[in-house]
PDB file of N, CA and C in Angstrom:
ATOM      1  N   MET A   1     -30.839 -11.741   4.248  1.00  0.00           N
ATOM      2  CA  MET A   1     -29.904 -10.666   4.501  1.00  0.00           C
ATOM      3  C   MET A   1     -30.638  -9.343   4.318  1.00  0.00           C
ATOM      4  N   THR A   2     -30.371  -8.435   5.209  1.00  0.00           N
ATOM      5  CA  THR A   2     -31.051  -7.145   5.165  1.00  0.00           C
ATOM      6  C   THR A   2     -30.386  -6.212   4.161  1.00  0.00           C
ATOM      7  N   LEU A   3     -31.068  -5.140   3.879  1.00  0.00           N
ATOM      8  CA  LEU A   3     -30.528  -4.138   2.960  1.00  0.00           C
ATOM      9  C   LEU A   3     -29.264  -3.505   3.545  1.00  0.00           C
ATOM     10  N   HIS A   4     -29.235  -3.360   4.851  1.00  0.00           N
ATOM     11  CA  HIS A   4     -28.051  -2.815   5.518  1.00  0.00           C
ATOM     12  C   HIS A   4     -26.845  -3.738   5.310  1.00  0.00           C
ATOM     13  N   GLY A   5     -27.042  -5.035   5.427  1.00  0.00           N
ATOM     14  CA  GLY A   5     -25.958  -5.998   5.224  1.00  0.00           C
ATOM     15  C   GLY A   5     -25.450  -5.996   3.796  1.00  0.00           C
ATOM     16  N   ILE A   6     -26.362  -5.929   2.854  1.00  0.00           N
ATOM     17  CA  ILE A   6     -25.970  -5.893   1.443  1.00  0.00           C
ATOM     18  C   ILE A   6     -25.201  -4.607   1.140  1.00  0.00           C
ATOM     19  N   GLY A   7     -25.643  -3.500   1.715  1.00  0.00           N
ATOM     20  CA  GLY A   7     -24.943  -2.235   1.519  1.00  0.00           C
ATOM     21  C   GLY A   7     -23.537  -2.269   2.091  1.00  0.00           C
ATOM     22  N   PHE A   8     -23.377  -2.915   3.251  1.00  0.00           N
ATOM     23  CA  PHE A   8     -22.058  -3.024   3.857  1.00  0.00           C
ATOM     24  C   PHE A   8     -21.129  -3.870   2.997  1.00  0.00           C
ATOM     25  N   ILE A   9     -21.625  -4.974   2.471  1.00  0.00           N
ATOM     26  CA  ILE A   9     -20.813  -5.826   1.598  1.00  0.00           C
ATOM     27  C   ILE A   9     -20.430  -5.067   0.333  1.00  0.00           C
ATOM     28  N   ALA A  10     -21.369  -4.330  -0.238  1.00  0.00           N
ATOM     29  CA  ALA A  10     -21.080  -3.549  -1.443  1.00  0.00           C
ATOM     30  C   ALA A  10     -20.025  -2.480  -1.156  1.00  0.00           C
ATOM     31  N   LEU A  11     -20.115  -1.830  -0.008  1.00  0.00           N
ATOM     32  CA  LEU A  11     -19.129  -0.817   0.362  1.00  0.00           C
ATOM     33  C   LEU A  11     -17.753  -1.438   0.557  1.00  0.00           C
ATOM     34  N   ALA A  12     -17.695  -2.583   1.222  1.00  0.00           N
ATOM     35  CA  ALA A  12     -16.413  -3.253   1.451  1.00  0.00           C
ATOM     36  C   ALA A  12     -15.777  -3.661   0.126  1.00  0.00           C
ATOM     37  N   LEU A  13     -16.560  -4.218  -0.785  1.00  0.00           N
ATOM     38  CA  LEU A  13     -16.031  -4.611  -2.091  1.00  0.00           C
ATOM     39  C   LEU A  13     -15.565  -3.399  -2.892  1.00  0.00           C
ATOM     40  N   ALA A  14     -16.310  -2.310  -2.813  1.00  0.00           N
ATOM     41  CA  ALA A  14     -15.914  -1.094  -3.527  1.00  0.00           C
ATOM     42  C   ALA A  14     -14.588  -0.561  -2.991  1.00  0.00           C
ATOM     43  N   LEU A  15     -14.407  -0.610  -1.681  1.00  0.00           N
ATOM     44  CA  LEU A  15     -13.142  -0.151  -1.101  1.00  0.00           C
ATOM     45  C   LEU A  15     -11.981  -1.048  -1.506  1.00  0.00           C
ATOM     46  N   VAL A  16     -12.190  -2.350  -1.508  1.00  0.00           N
ATOM     47  CA  VAL A  16     -11.122  -3.283  -1.886  1.00  0.00           C
ATOM     48  C   VAL A  16     -10.740  -3.096  -3.346  1.00  0.00           C
ATOM     49  N   PHE A  17     -11.737  -3.075  -4.225  1.00  0.00           N
ATOM     50  CA  PHE A  17     -11.437  -2.930  -5.645  1.00  0.00           C
ATOM     51  C   PHE A  17     -10.932  -1.529  -5.973  1.00  0.00           C
ATOM     52  N   GLY A  18     -11.379  -0.527  -5.237  1.00  0.00           N
ATOM     53  CA  GLY A  18     -10.901   0.834  -5.455  1.00  0.00           C
ATOM     54  C   GLY A  18      -9.457   1.022  -5.025  1.00  0.00           C
ATOM     55  N   ALA A  19      -9.023   0.280  -4.025  1.00  0.00           N
ATOM     56  CA  ALA A  19      -7.651   0.405  -3.533  1.00  0.00           C
ATOM     57  C   ALA A  19      -6.684  -0.514  -4.268  1.00  0.00           C
ATOM     58  N   ALA A  20      -7.171  -1.495  -4.988  1.00  0.00           N
ATOM     59  CA  ALA A  20      -6.300  -2.492  -5.623  1.00  0.00           C
ATOM     60  C   ALA A  20      -5.375  -1.863  -6.664  1.00  0.00           C
ATOM     61  N   PHE A  21      -5.891  -1.025  -7.535  1.00  0.00           N
ATOM     62  CA  PHE A  21      -5.052  -0.445  -8.591  1.00  0.00           C
ATOM     63  C   PHE A  21      -3.992   0.509  -8.034  1.00  0.00           C
ATOM     64  N   PRO A  22      -4.349   1.461  -7.161  1.00  0.00           N
ATOM     65  CA  PRO A  22      -3.298   2.342  -6.630  1.00  0.00           C
ATOM     66  C   PRO A  22      -2.243   1.586  -5.821  1.00  0.00           C
ATOM     67  N   LEU A  23      -2.653   0.609  -5.038  1.00  0.00           N
ATOM     68  CA  LEU A  23      -1.675  -0.158  -4.270  1.00  0.00           C
ATOM     69  C   LEU A  23      -0.794  -0.999  -5.177  1.00  0.00           C
ATOM     70  N   GLY A  24      -1.366  -1.556  -6.235  1.00  0.00           N
ATOM     71  CA  GLY A  24      -0.579  -2.328  -7.192  1.00  0.00           C
ATOM     72  C   GLY A  24       0.445  -1.464  -7.904  1.00  0.00           C
ATOM     73  N   ALA A  25       0.045  -0.265  -8.292  1.00  0.00           N
ATOM     74  CA  ALA A  25       0.976   0.657  -8.952  1.00  0.00           C
ATOM     75  C   ALA A  25       2.094   1.071  -7.994  1.00  0.00           C
ATOM     76  N   TYR A  26       1.745   1.301  -6.737  1.00  0.00           N
ATOM     77  CA  TYR A  26       2.754   1.663  -5.738  1.00  0.00           C
ATOM     78  C   TYR A  26       3.751   0.528  -5.533  1.00  0.00           C
ATOM     79  N   LEU A  27       3.260  -0.694  -5.401  1.00  0.00           N
ATOM     80  CA  LEU A  27       4.150  -1.838  -5.198  1.00  0.00           C
ATOM     81  C   LEU A  27       5.034  -2.082  -6.415  1.00  0.00           C
ATOM     82  N   ALA A  28       4.509  -1.866  -7.614  1.00  0.00           N
ATOM     83  CA  ALA A  28       5.316  -2.038  -8.824  1.00  0.00           C
ATOM     84  C   ALA A  28       6.475  -1.045  -8.840  1.00  0.00           C
ATOM     85  N   ARG A  29       6.200   0.221  -8.495  1.00  0.00           N
ATOM     86  CA  ARG A  29       7.278   1.222  -8.438  1.00  0.00           C
ATOM     87  C   ARG A  29       8.277   0.885  -7.342  1.00  0.00           C
ATOM     88  N   LEU A  30       7.793   0.392  -6.236  1.00  0.00           N
ATOM     89  CA  LEU A  30       8.667   0.050  -5.115  1.00  0.00           C
ATOM     90  C   LEU A  30       9.605  -1.089  -5.479  1.00  0.00           C
ATOM     91  N   TYR A  31       9.091  -2.148  -6.100  1.00  0.00           N
ATOM     92  CA  TYR A  31       9.916  -3.309  -6.439  1.00  0.00           C
ATOM     93  C   TYR A  31      10.867  -3.035  -7.601  1.00  0.00           C
ATOM     94  N   ARG A  32      10.520  -2.086  -8.477  1.00  0.00           N
ATOM     95  CA  ARG A  32      11.436  -1.696  -9.554  1.00  0.00           C
ATOM     96  C   ARG A  32      12.580  -0.858  -9.023  1.00  0.00           C
ATOM     97  N   GLY A  33      12.411  -0.284  -7.855  1.00  0.00           N
ATOM     98  CA  GLY A  33      13.441   0.565  -7.274  1.00  0.00           C
ATOM     99  C   GLY A  33      13.251   2.031  -7.600  1.00  0.00           C
ATOM    100  N   ASP A  34      12.141   2.380  -8.215  1.00  0.00           N
ATOM    101  CA  ASP A  34      11.888   3.773  -8.574  1.00  0.00           C
ATOM    102  C   ASP A  34      11.515   4.616  -7.359  1.00  0.00           C
ATOM    103  N   LEU A  35      10.937   4.002  -6.368  1.00  0.00           N
ATOM    104  CA  LEU A  35      10.389   4.733  -5.240  1.00  0.00           C
ATOM    105  C   LEU A  35      11.142   4.372  -3.971  1.00  0.00           C
ATOM    106  N   ARG A  36      11.801   5.328  -3.401  1.00  0.00           N
ATOM    107  CA  ARG A  36      12.521   5.126  -2.140  1.00  0.00           C
ATOM    108  C   ARG A  36      12.018   6.165  -1.151  1.00  0.00           C
ATOM    109  N   PHE A  37      10.856   5.920  -0.588  1.00  0.00           N
ATOM    110  CA  PHE A  37      10.174   6.879   0.273  1.00  0.00           C
ATOM    111  C   PHE A  37      10.981   7.204   1.531  1.00  0.00           C
ATOM    112  N   LEU A  38      11.567   6.208   2.160  1.00  0.00           N
ATOM    113  CA  LEU A  38      12.289   6.414   3.411  1.00  0.00           C
ATOM    114  C   LEU A  38      13.801   6.315   3.254  1.00  0.00           C
ATOM    115  N   ALA A  39      14.311   6.533   2.060  1.00  0.00           N
ATOM    116  CA  ALA A  39      15.745   6.381   1.811  1.00  0.00           C
ATOM    117  C   ALA A  39      16.571   7.343   2.657  1.00  0.00           C
ATOM    118  N   ALA A  40      16.067   8.546   2.888  1.00  0.00           N
ATOM    119  CA  ALA A  40      16.809   9.522   3.686  1.00  0.00           C
ATOM    120  C   ALA A  40      16.929   9.083   5.143  1.00  0.00           C
ATOM    121  N   ILE A  41      16.004   8.289   5.615  1.00  0.00           N
ATOM    122  CA  ILE A  41      16.046   7.793   6.991  1.00  0.00           C
ATOM    123  C   ILE A  41      16.797   6.469   7.070  1.00  0.00           C
ATOM    124  N   GLU A  42      16.664   5.641   6.032  1.00  0.00           N
ATOM    125  CA  GLU A  42      17.298   4.318   6.044  1.00  0.00           C
ATOM    126  C   GLU A  42      18.821   4.405   6.042  1.00  0.00           C
ATOM    127  N   ALA A  43      19.378   5.278   5.234  1.00  0.00           N
ATOM    128  CA  ALA A  43      20.833   5.331   5.061  1.00  0.00           C
ATOM    129  C   ALA A  43      21.577   5.586   6.376  1.00  0.00           C
ATOM    130  N   PRO A  44      21.197   6.583   7.168  1.00  0.00           N
ATOM    131  CA  PRO A  44      21.918   6.773   8.439  1.00  0.00           C
ATOM    132  C   PRO A  44      21.744   5.609   9.416  1.00  0.00           C
ATOM    133  N   ILE A  45      20.574   5.012   9.427  1.00  0.00           N
ATOM    134  CA  ILE A  45      20.346   3.869  10.323  1.00  0.00           C
ATOM    135  C   ILE A  45      21.208   2.693   9.896  1.00  0.00           C
ATOM    136  N   TYR A  46      21.282   2.429   8.607  1.00  0.00           N
ATOM    137  CA  TYR A  46      22.134   1.342   8.117  1.00  0.00           C
ATOM    138  C   TYR A  46      23.600   1.622   8.441  1.00  0.00           C
ATOM    139  N   ARG A  47      24.022   2.875   8.298  1.00  0.00           N
ATOM    140  CA  ARG A  47      25.403   3.235   8.594  1.00  0.00           C
ATOM    141  C   ARG A  47      25.709   3.023  10.078  1.00  0.00           C
ATOM    142  N   LEU A  48      24.771   3.392  10.945  1.00  0.00           N
ATOM    143  CA  LEU A  48      24.946   3.183  12.382  1.00  0.00           C
ATOM    144  C   LEU A  48      25.043   1.702  12.739  1.00  0.00           C
ATOM    145  N   CYS A  49      24.239   0.885  12.069  1.00  0.00           N
ATOM    146  CA  CYS A  49      24.214  -0.554  12.355  1.00  0.00           C
ATOM    147  C   CYS A  49      25.352  -1.299  11.675  1.00  0.00           C
ATOM    148  N   GLY A  50      26.028  -0.653  10.755  1.00  0.00           N
ATOM    149  CA  GLY A  50      27.127  -1.301  10.052  1.00  0.00           C
ATOM    150  C   GLY A  50      26.676  -2.240   8.956  1.00  0.00           C
ATOM    151  N   ILE A  51      25.517  -1.974   8.415  1.00  0.00           N
ATOM    152  CA  ILE A  51      24.987  -2.822   7.334  1.00  0.00           C
ATOM    153  C   ILE A  51      25.517  -2.319   6.013  1.00  0.00           C
TER     154      ILE A  51
END
């Protein structure tokens, strides 16, 4: 494996591990119900659909 290939693998792993904590924290807030990012858009659509 070339140095370029090893560098690419290292970069990919760094991106995955770097994104894991922020995404995990976001999902935890979302599933607890603390975060309703699109609530202002969801409510009228649900009302229109009769949900």
